[in-house]
Amino acid sequence: NLPLNGVTAVTLYTVPVGKTCILDKLQVVASADMGAT
């Protein structure tokens, strides 16, 4: 869940021990208007 109704930082992911990570994209499915976020 990614709340967009307040100014905040939200943890999305923590890279697992023993791994490295390269991010590709983030997709967000709106449950209401998020047009000015």
All heavy atoms as atom14 arrays in JSON, in Angstrom:
{
  "sequence": "NLPLNGVTAVTLYTVPVGKTCILDKLQVVASADMGAT",
  "atom14_mask": [
    [1, 1, 1, 1, 1, 1, 1, 1, 0, 0, 0, 0, 0, 0],
    [1, 1, 1, 1, 1, 1, 1, 1, 0, 0, 0, 0, 0, 0],
    [1, 1, 1, 1, 1, 1, 1, 0, 0, 0, 0, 0, 0, 0],
    [1, 1, 1, 1, 1, 1, 1, 1, 0, 0, 0, 0, 0, 0],
    [1, 1, 1, 1, 1, 1, 1, 1, 0, 0, 0, 0, 0, 0],
    [1, 1, 1, 1, 0, 0, 0, 0, 0, 0, 0, 0, 0, 0],
    [1, 1, 1, 1, 1, 1, 1, 0, 0, 0, 0, 0, 0, 0],
    [1, 1, 1, 1, 1, 1, 1, 0, 0, 0, 0, 0, 0, 0],
    [1, 1, 1, 1, 1, 0, 0, 0, 0, 0, 0, 0, 0, 0],
    [1, 1, 1, 1, 1, 1, 1, 0, 0, 0, 0, 0, 0, 0],
    [1, 1, 1, 1, 1, 1, 1, 0, 0, 0, 0, 0, 0, 0],
    [1, 1, 1, 1, 1, 1, 1, 1, 0, 0, 0, 0, 0, 0],
    [1, 1, 1, 1, 1, 1, 1, 1, 1, 1, 1, 1, 0, 0],
    [1, 1, 1, 1, 1, 1, 1, 0, 0, 0, 0, 0, 0, 0],
    [1, 1, 1, 1, 1, 1, 1, 0, 0, 0, 0, 0, 0, 0],
    [1, 1, 1, 1, 1, 1, 1, 0, 0, 0, 0, 0, 0, 0],
    [1, 1, 1, 1, 1, 1, 1, 0, 0, 0, 0, 0, 0, 0],
    [1, 1, 1, 1, 0, 0, 0, 0, 0, 0, 0, 0, 0, 0],
    [1, 1, 1, 1, 1, 1, 1, 1, 1, 0, 0, 0, 0, 0],
    [1, 1, 1, 1, 1, 1, 1, 0, 0, 0, 0, 0, 0, 0],
    [1, 1, 1, 1, 1, 1, 0, 0, 0, 0, 0, 0, 0, 0],
    [1, 1, 1, 1, 1, 1, 1, 1, 0, 0, 0, 0, 0, 0],
    [1, 1, 1, 1, 1, 1, 1, 1, 0, 0, 0, 0, 0, 0],
    [1, 1, 1, 1, 1, 1, 1, 1, 0, 0, 0, 0, 0, 0],
    [1, 1, 1, 1, 1, 1, 1, 1, 1, 0, 0, 0, 0, 0],
    [1, 1, 1, 1, 1, 1, 1, 1, 0, 0, 0, 0, 0, 0],
    [1, 1, 1, 1, 1, 1, 1, 1, 1, 0, 0, 0, 0, 0],
    [1, 1, 1, 1, 1, 1, 1, 0, 0, 0, 0, 0, 0, 0],
    [1, 1, 1, 1, 1, 1, 1, 0, 0, 0, 0, 0, 0, 0],
    [1, 1, 1, 1, 1, 0, 0, 0, 0, 0, 0, 0, 0, 0],
    [1, 1, 1, 1, 1, 1, 0, 0, 0, 0, 0, 0, 0, 0],
    [1, 1, 1, 1, 1, 0, 0, 0, 0, 0, 0, 0, 0, 0],
    [1, 1, 1, 1, 1, 1, 1, 1, 0, 0, 0, 0, 0, 0],
    [1, 1, 1, 1, 1, 1, 1, 1, 0, 0, 0, 0, 0, 0],
    [1, 1, 1, 1, 0, 0, 0, 0, 0, 0, 0, 0, 0, 0],
    [1, 1, 1, 1, 1, 0, 0, 0, 0, 0, 0, 0, 0, 0],
    [1, 1, 1, 1, 1, 1, 1, 0, 0, 0, 0, 0, 0, 0]
  ],
  "atom14_positions": [
    [[0.84, -1.2, 0.0], [0.0, 0.0, 0.0], [0.88, 1.25, 0.0], [1.84, 1.34, 0.74], [-0.9, 0.01, 1.24], [-1.81, 1.21, 1.25], [-2.54, 1.45, 0.3], [-1.77, 1.97, 2.33], [0.0, 0.0, 0.0], [0.0, 0.0, 0.0], [0.0, 0.0, 0.0], [0.0, 0.0, 0.0], [0.0, 0.0, 0.0], [0.0, 0.0, 0.0]],
    [[0.52, 2.21, -0.86], [1.23, 3.48, -0.92], [0.22, 4.61, -0.69], [-0.51, 5.0, -1.6], [1.91, 3.65, -2.28], [2.7, 4.95, -2.49], [3.78, 5.13, -1.43], [3.3, 4.96, -3.88], [0.0, 0.0, 0.0], [0.0, 0.0, 0.0], [0.0, 0.0, 0.0], [0.0, 0.0, 0.0], [0.0, 0.0, 0.0], [0.0, 0.0, 0.0]],
    [[0.14, 5.12, 0.54], [-0.79, 6.21, 0.81], [-0.32, 7.51, 0.15], [0.85, 7.87, 0.25], [-0.79, 6.34, 2.33], [0.39, 5.59, 2.82], [0.85, 4.68, 1.73], [0.0, 0.0, 0.0], [0.0, 0.0, 0.0], [0.0, 0.0, 0.0], [0.0, 0.0, 0.0], [0.0, 0.0, 0.0], [0.0, 0.0, 0.0], [0.0, 0.0, 0.0]],
    [[-1.24, 8.17, -0.52], [-0.91, 9.42, -1.21], [-1.68, 10.6, -0.64], [-1.69, 11.67, -1.23], [-1.21, 9.28, -2.71], [-0.45, 8.17, -3.43], [-0.93, 8.03, -4.86], [1.04, 8.4, -3.37], [0.0, 0.0, 0.0], [0.0, 0.0, 0.0], [0.0, 0.0, 0.0], [0.0, 0.0, 0.0], [0.0, 0.0, 0.0], [0.0, 0.0, 0.0]],
    [[-2.28, 10.4, 0.51], [-3.12, 11.46, 1.1], [-2.37, 12.3, 2.14], [-2.98, 13.1, 2.82], [-4.37, 10.85, 1.72], [-4.05, 9.88, 2.84], [-2.97, 9.31, 2.89], [-5.01, 9.68, 3.72], [0.0, 0.0, 0.0], [0.0, 0.0, 0.0], [0.0, 0.0, 0.0], [0.0, 0.0, 0.0], [0.0, 0.0, 0.0], [0.0, 0.0, 0.0]],
    [[-1.08, 12.13, 2.25], [-0.29, 12.92, 3.18], [1.15, 12.99, 2.72], [1.62, 12.13, 1.98], [0.0, 0.0, 0.0], [0.0, 0.0, 0.0], [0.0, 0.0, 0.0], [0.0, 0.0, 0.0], [0.0, 0.0, 0.0], [0.0, 0.0, 0.0], [0.0, 0.0, 0.0], [0.0, 0.0, 0.0], [0.0, 0.0, 0.0], [0.0, 0.0, 0.0]],
    [[1.87, 14.02, 3.15], [3.28, 14.18, 2.83], [4.06, 13.27, 3.77], [4.08, 13.5, 4.98], [3.71, 15.65, 2.97], [5.21, 15.81, 2.75], [2.92, 16.52, 2.0], [0.0, 0.0, 0.0], [0.0, 0.0, 0.0], [0.0, 0.0, 0.0], [0.0, 0.0, 0.0], [0.0, 0.0, 0.0], [0.0, 0.0, 0.0], [0.0, 0.0, 0.0]],
    [[4.68, 12.23, 3.2], [5.35, 11.23, 4.01], [6.31, 10.4, 3.18], [6.23, 10.4, 1.95], [4.31, 10.28, 4.67], [4.97, 9.41, 5.57], [3.56, 9.47, 3.63], [0.0, 0.0, 0.0], [0.0, 0.0, 0.0], [0.0, 0.0, 0.0], [0.0, 0.0, 0.0], [0.0, 0.0, 0.0], [0.0, 0.0, 0.0], [0.0, 0.0, 0.0]],
    [[7.23, 9.71, 3.83], [8.1, 8.73, 3.17], [7.6, 7.34, 3.53], [7.29, 7.07, 4.7], [9.54, 8.9, 3.6], [0.0, 0.0, 0.0], [0.0, 0.0, 0.0], [0.0, 0.0, 0.0], [0.0, 0.0, 0.0], [0.0, 0.0, 0.0], [0.0, 0.0, 0.0], [0.0, 0.0, 0.0], [0.0, 0.0, 0.0], [0.0, 0.0, 0.0]],
    [[7.49, 6.47, 2.54], [6.96, 5.12, 2.73], [8.01, 4.11, 2.26], [8.48, 4.19, 1.12], [5.66, 4.92, 1.93], [5.15, 3.5, 2.06], [4.61, 5.92, 2.36], [0.0, 0.0, 0.0], [0.0, 0.0, 0.0], [0.0, 0.0, 0.0], [0.0, 0.0, 0.0], [0.0, 0.0, 0.0], [0.0, 0.0, 0.0], [0.0, 0.0, 0.0]],
    [[8.37, 3.17, 3.12], [9.31, 2.13, 2.73], [8.64, 1.17, 1.75], [7.58, 0.63, 2.04], [9.82, 1.36, 3.96], [10.55, 2.28, 4.79], [10.73, 0.21, 3.57], [0.0, 0.0, 0.0], [0.0, 0.0, 0.0], [0.0, 0.0, 0.0], [0.0, 0.0, 0.0], [0.0, 0.0, 0.0], [0.0, 0.0, 0.0], [0.0, 0.0, 0.0]],
    [[9.29, 0.98, 0.6], [8.78, 0.09, -0.43], [9.48, -1.27, -0.41], [8.86, -2.29, -0.67], [8.97, 0.7, -1.82], [8.38, 2.08, -2.07], [8.75, 2.57, -3.47], [6.87, 2.05, -1.87], [0.0, 0.0, 0.0], [0.0, 0.0, 0.0], [0.0, 0.0, 0.0], [0.0, 0.0, 0.0], [0.0, 0.0, 0.0], [0.0, 0.0, 0.0]],
    [[10.79, -1.27, -0.1], [11.57, -2.49, -0.26], [12.89, -2.35, 0.48], [13.46, -1.25, 0.55], [11.86, -2.72, -1.75], [12.61, -3.97, -2.09], [12.03, -5.22, -1.94], [13.9, -3.91, -2.61], [12.73, -6.37, -2.28], [14.6, -5.05, -2.95], [14.0, -6.28, -2.79], [14.68, -7.43, -3.13], [0.0, 0.0, 0.0], [0.0, 0.0, 0.0]],
    [[13.38, -3.45, 1.02], [14.72, -3.52, 1.59], [15.47, -4.62, 0.86], [14.99, -5.76, 0.75], [14.67, -3.84, 3.1], [13.89, -2.81, 3.75], [16.05, -3.88, 3.7], [0.0, 0.0, 0.0], [0.0, 0.0, 0.0], [0.0, 0.0, 0.0], [0.0, 0.0, 0.0], [0.0, 0.0, 0.0], [0.0, 0.0, 0.0], [0.0, 0.0, 0.0]],
    [[16.64, -4.29, 0.32], [17.43, -5.27, -0.44], [17.85, -6.4, 0.51], [18.39, -6.14, 1.59], [18.66, -4.6, -1.08], [19.48, -5.62, -1.86], [18.24, -3.43, -1.97], [0.0, 0.0, 0.0], [0.0, 0.0, 0.0], [0.0, 0.0, 0.0], [0.0, 0.0, 0.0], [0.0, 0.0, 0.0], [0.0, 0.0, 0.0], [0.0, 0.0, 0.0]],
    [[17.59, -7.66, 0.13], [17.91, -8.79, 1.0], [19.42, -8.94, 1.25], [20.24, -8.56, 0.4], [17.39, -10.01, 0.24], [16.46, -9.49, -0.79], [16.91, -8.09, -1.09], [0.0, 0.0, 0.0], [0.0, 0.0, 0.0], [0.0, 0.0, 0.0], [0.0, 0.0, 0.0], [0.0, 0.0, 0.0], [0.0, 0.0, 0.0], [0.0, 0.0, 0.0]],
    [[19.76, -9.53, 2.38], [21.15, -9.82, 2.73], [21.75, -10.71, 1.64], [21.1, -11.64, 1.15], [21.21, -10.53, 4.1], [22.63, -11.0, 4.41], [20.71, -9.59, 5.19], [0.0, 0.0, 0.0], [0.0, 0.0, 0.0], [0.0, 0.0, 0.0], [0.0, 0.0, 0.0], [0.0, 0.0, 0.0], [0.0, 0.0, 0.0], [0.0, 0.0, 0.0]],
    [[22.96, -10.41, 1.24], [23.66, -11.22, 0.25], [23.29, -10.9, -1.19], [23.72, -11.59, -2.11], [0.0, 0.0, 0.0], [0.0, 0.0, 0.0], [0.0, 0.0, 0.0], [0.0, 0.0, 0.0], [0.0, 0.0, 0.0], [0.0, 0.0, 0.0], [0.0, 0.0, 0.0], [0.0, 0.0, 0.0], [0.0, 0.0, 0.0], [0.0, 0.0, 0.0]],
    [[22.47, -9.87, -1.41], [22.01, -9.52, -2.76], [22.33, -8.06, -3.08], [22.59, -7.25, -2.19], [20.49, -9.7, -2.89], [20.0, -11.1, -2.61], [20.44, -12.06, -3.67], [19.91, -13.45, -3.4], [20.43, -14.41, -4.36], [0.0, 0.0, 0.0], [0.0, 0.0, 0.0], [0.0, 0.0, 0.0], [0.0, 0.0, 0.0], [0.0, 0.0, 0.0]],
    [[22.31, -7.74, -4.36], [22.3, -6.37, -4.83], [21.06, -6.21, -5.69], [20.49, -7.2, -6.16], [23.56, -6.02, -5.66], [23.61, -6.88, -6.8], [24.82, -6.16, -4.84], [0.0, 0.0, 0.0], [0.0, 0.0, 0.0], [0.0, 0.0, 0.0], [0.0, 0.0, 0.0], [0.0, 0.0, 0.0], [0.0, 0.0, 0.0], [0.0, 0.0, 0.0]],
    [[20.65, -4.98, -5.9], [19.39, -4.72, -6.6], [19.55, -3.53, -7.53], [20.19, -2.54, -7.18], [18.31, -4.44, -5.56], [16.76, -3.88, -6.24], [0.0, 0.0, 0.0], [0.0, 0.0, 0.0], [0.0, 0.0, 0.0], [0.0, 0.0, 0.0], [0.0, 0.0, 0.0], [0.0, 0.0, 0.0], [0.0, 0.0, 0.0], [0.0, 0.0, 0.0]],
    [[18.96, -3.63, -8.72], [18.85, -2.51, -9.64], [17.36, -2.32, -9.91], [16.69, -3.25, -10.37], [19.61, -2.75, -10.95], [21.09, -2.96, -10.68], [19.39, -1.58, -11.92], [21.91, -3.38, -11.88], [0.0, 0.0, 0.0], [0.0, 0.0, 0.0], [0.0, 0.0, 0.0], [0.0, 0.0, 0.0], [0.0, 0.0, 0.0], [0.0, 0.0, 0.0]],
    [[16.84, -1.15, -9.6], [15.41, -0.89, -9.79], [15.11, -0.63, -11.26], [15.93, -0.09, -12.0], [14.98, 0.32, -8.96], [15.12, 0.18, -7.45], [14.7, 1.45, -6.76], [14.33, -1.01, -6.95], [0.0, 0.0, 0.0], [0.0, 0.0, 0.0], [0.0, 0.0, 0.0], [0.0, 0.0, 0.0], [0.0, 0.0, 0.0], [0.0, 0.0, 0.0]],
    [[13.9, -1.02, -11.68], [13.47, -0.84, -13.06], [12.3, 0.14, -13.17], [12.35, 1.07, -13.96], [13.08, -2.18, -13.67], [12.71, -2.06, -15.13], [13.6, -1.75, -15.94], [11.51, -2.26, -15.46], [0.0, 0.0, 0.0], [0.0, 0.0, 0.0], [0.0, 0.0, 0.0], [0.0, 0.0, 0.0], [0.0, 0.0, 0.0], [0.0, 0.0, 0.0]],
    [[11.25, -0.07, -12.38], [10.07, 0.8, -12.45], [9.22, 0.62, -11.21], [9.34, -0.37, -10.48], [9.23, 0.51, -13.68], [8.55, -0.85, -13.65], [7.8, -1.13, -14.93], [7.36, -2.59, -14.93], [7.09, -3.09, -16.24], [0.0, 0.0, 0.0], [0.0, 0.0, 0.0], [0.0, 0.0, 0.0], [0.0, 0.0, 0.0], [0.0, 0.0, 0.0]],
    [[8.36, 1.61, -10.99], [7.35, 1.57, -9.94], [6.01, 1.79, -10.62], [5.85, 2.73, -11.4], [7.6, 2.67, -8.91], [6.52, 2.86, -7.85], [6.47, 1.65, -6.9], [6.75, 4.14, -7.07], [0.0, 0.0, 0.0], [0.0, 0.0, 0.0], [0.0, 0.0, 0.0], [0.0, 0.0, 0.0], [0.0, 0.0, 0.0], [0.0, 0.0, 0.0]],
    [[5.04, 0.92, -10.34], [3.68, 1.12, -10.83], [2.78, 1.34, -9.63], [2.91, 0.66, -8.62], [3.2, -0.09, -11.63], [3.96, -0.26, -12.93], [3.47, -1.44, -13.74], [2.99, -2.42, -13.22], [3.59, -1.32, -15.05], [0.0, 0.0, 0.0], [0.0, 0.0, 0.0], [0.0, 0.0, 0.0], [0.0, 0.0, 0.0], [0.0, 0.0, 0.0]],
    [[1.88, 2.33, -9.75], [0.94, 2.64, -8.69], [-0.47, 2.58, -9.28], [-0.76, 3.25, -10.26], [1.19, 4.03, -8.08], [0.21, 4.3, -6.93], [2.63, 4.16, -7.59], [0.0, 0.0, 0.0], [0.0, 0.0, 0.0], [0.0, 0.0, 0.0], [0.0, 0.0, 0.0], [0.0, 0.0, 0.0], [0.0, 0.0, 0.0], [0.0, 0.0, 0.0]],
    [[-1.31, 1.74, -8.67], [-2.72, 1.63, -9.09], [-3.54, 2.49, -8.14], [-3.56, 2.25, -6.92], [-3.2, 0.17, -9.05], [-4.65, 0.08, -9.5], [-2.31, -0.72, -9.9], [0.0, 0.0, 0.0], [0.0, 0.0, 0.0], [0.0, 0.0, 0.0], [0.0, 0.0, 0.0], [0.0, 0.0, 0.0], [0.0, 0.0, 0.0], [0.0, 0.0, 0.0]],
    [[-4.22, 3.49, -8.7], [-4.97, 4.45, -7.89], [-6.27, 3.85, -7.39], [-6.94, 3.12, -8.11], [-5.28, 5.69, -8.72], [0.0, 0.0, 0.0], [0.0, 0.0, 0.0], [0.0, 0.0, 0.0], [0.0, 0.0, 0.0], [0.0, 0.0, 0.0], [0.0, 0.0, 0.0], [0.0, 0.0, 0.0], [0.0, 0.0, 0.0], [0.0, 0.0, 0.0]],
    [[-6.63, 4.19, -6.16], [-7.96, 3.84, -5.66], [-8.88, 5.06, -5.73], [-10.07, 4.95, -5.47], [-7.88, 3.31, -4.23], [-7.36, 4.28, -3.36], [0.0, 0.0, 0.0], [0.0, 0.0, 0.0], [0.0, 0.0, 0.0], [0.0, 0.0, 0.0], [0.0, 0.0, 0.0], [0.0, 0.0, 0.0], [0.0, 0.0, 0.0], [0.0, 0.0, 0.0]],
    [[-8.32, 6.22, -6.1], [-9.07, 7.46, -6.29], [-8.17, 8.4, -7.09], [-7.04, 8.04, -7.43], [-9.45, 8.08, -4.95], [0.0, 0.0, 0.0], [0.0, 0.0, 0.0], [0.0, 0.0, 0.0], [0.0, 0.0, 0.0], [0.0, 0.0, 0.0], [0.0, 0.0, 0.0], [0.0, 0.0, 0.0], [0.0, 0.0, 0.0], [0.0, 0.0, 0.0]],
    [[-8.64, 9.61, -7.35], [-7.85, 10.59, -8.09], [-6.51, 10.83, -7.4], [-6.46, 11.14, -6.22], [-8.65, 11.9, -8.17], [-7.94, 12.97, -8.96], [-6.83, 12.74, -9.46], [-8.51, 14.07, -9.08], [0.0, 0.0, 0.0], [0.0, 0.0, 0.0], [0.0, 0.0, 0.0], [0.0, 0.0, 0.0], [0.0, 0.0, 0.0], [0.0, 0.0, 0.0]],
    [[-5.42, 10.66, -8.12], [-4.09, 10.97, -7.59], [-3.37, 11.93, -8.54], [-2.16, 12.04, -8.55], [-3.27, 9.7, -7.36], [-2.94, 8.86, -8.56], [-1.91, 7.45, -8.08], [-1.79, 6.59, -9.64], [0.0, 0.0, 0.0], [0.0, 0.0, 0.0], [0.0, 0.0, 0.0], [0.0, 0.0, 0.0], [0.0, 0.0, 0.0], [0.0, 0.0, 0.0]],
    [[-4.15, 12.66, -9.33], [-3.63, 13.46, -10.43], [-2.68, 14.58, -10.1], [-1.95, 15.01, -10.97], [0.0, 0.0, 0.0], [0.0, 0.0, 0.0], [0.0, 0.0, 0.0], [0.0, 0.0, 0.0], [0.0, 0.0, 0.0], [0.0, 0.0, 0.0], [0.0, 0.0, 0.0], [0.0, 0.0, 0.0], [0.0, 0.0, 0.0], [0.0, 0.0, 0.0]],
    [[-2.63, 15.08, -8.9], [-1.69, 16.16, -8.57], [-0.6, 15.69, -7.61], [0.19, 16.5, -7.12], [-2.44, 17.33, -7.97], [0.0, 0.0, 0.0], [0.0, 0.0, 0.0], [0.0, 0.0, 0.0], [0.0, 0.0, 0.0], [0.0, 0.0, 0.0], [0.0, 0.0, 0.0], [0.0, 0.0, 0.0], [0.0, 0.0, 0.0], [0.0, 0.0, 0.0]],
    [[-0.54, 14.4, -7.36], [0.47, 13.86, -6.46], [1.87, 14.05, -7.05], [2.08, 13.85, -8.24], [0.23, 12.35, -6.22], [-1.04, 12.18, -5.62], [1.3, 11.74, -5.34], [0.0, 0.0, 0.0], [0.0, 0.0, 0.0], [0.0, 0.0, 0.0], [0.0, 0.0, 0.0], [0.0, 0.0, 0.0], [0.0, 0.0, 0.0], [0.0, 0.0, 0.0]]
  ]
}
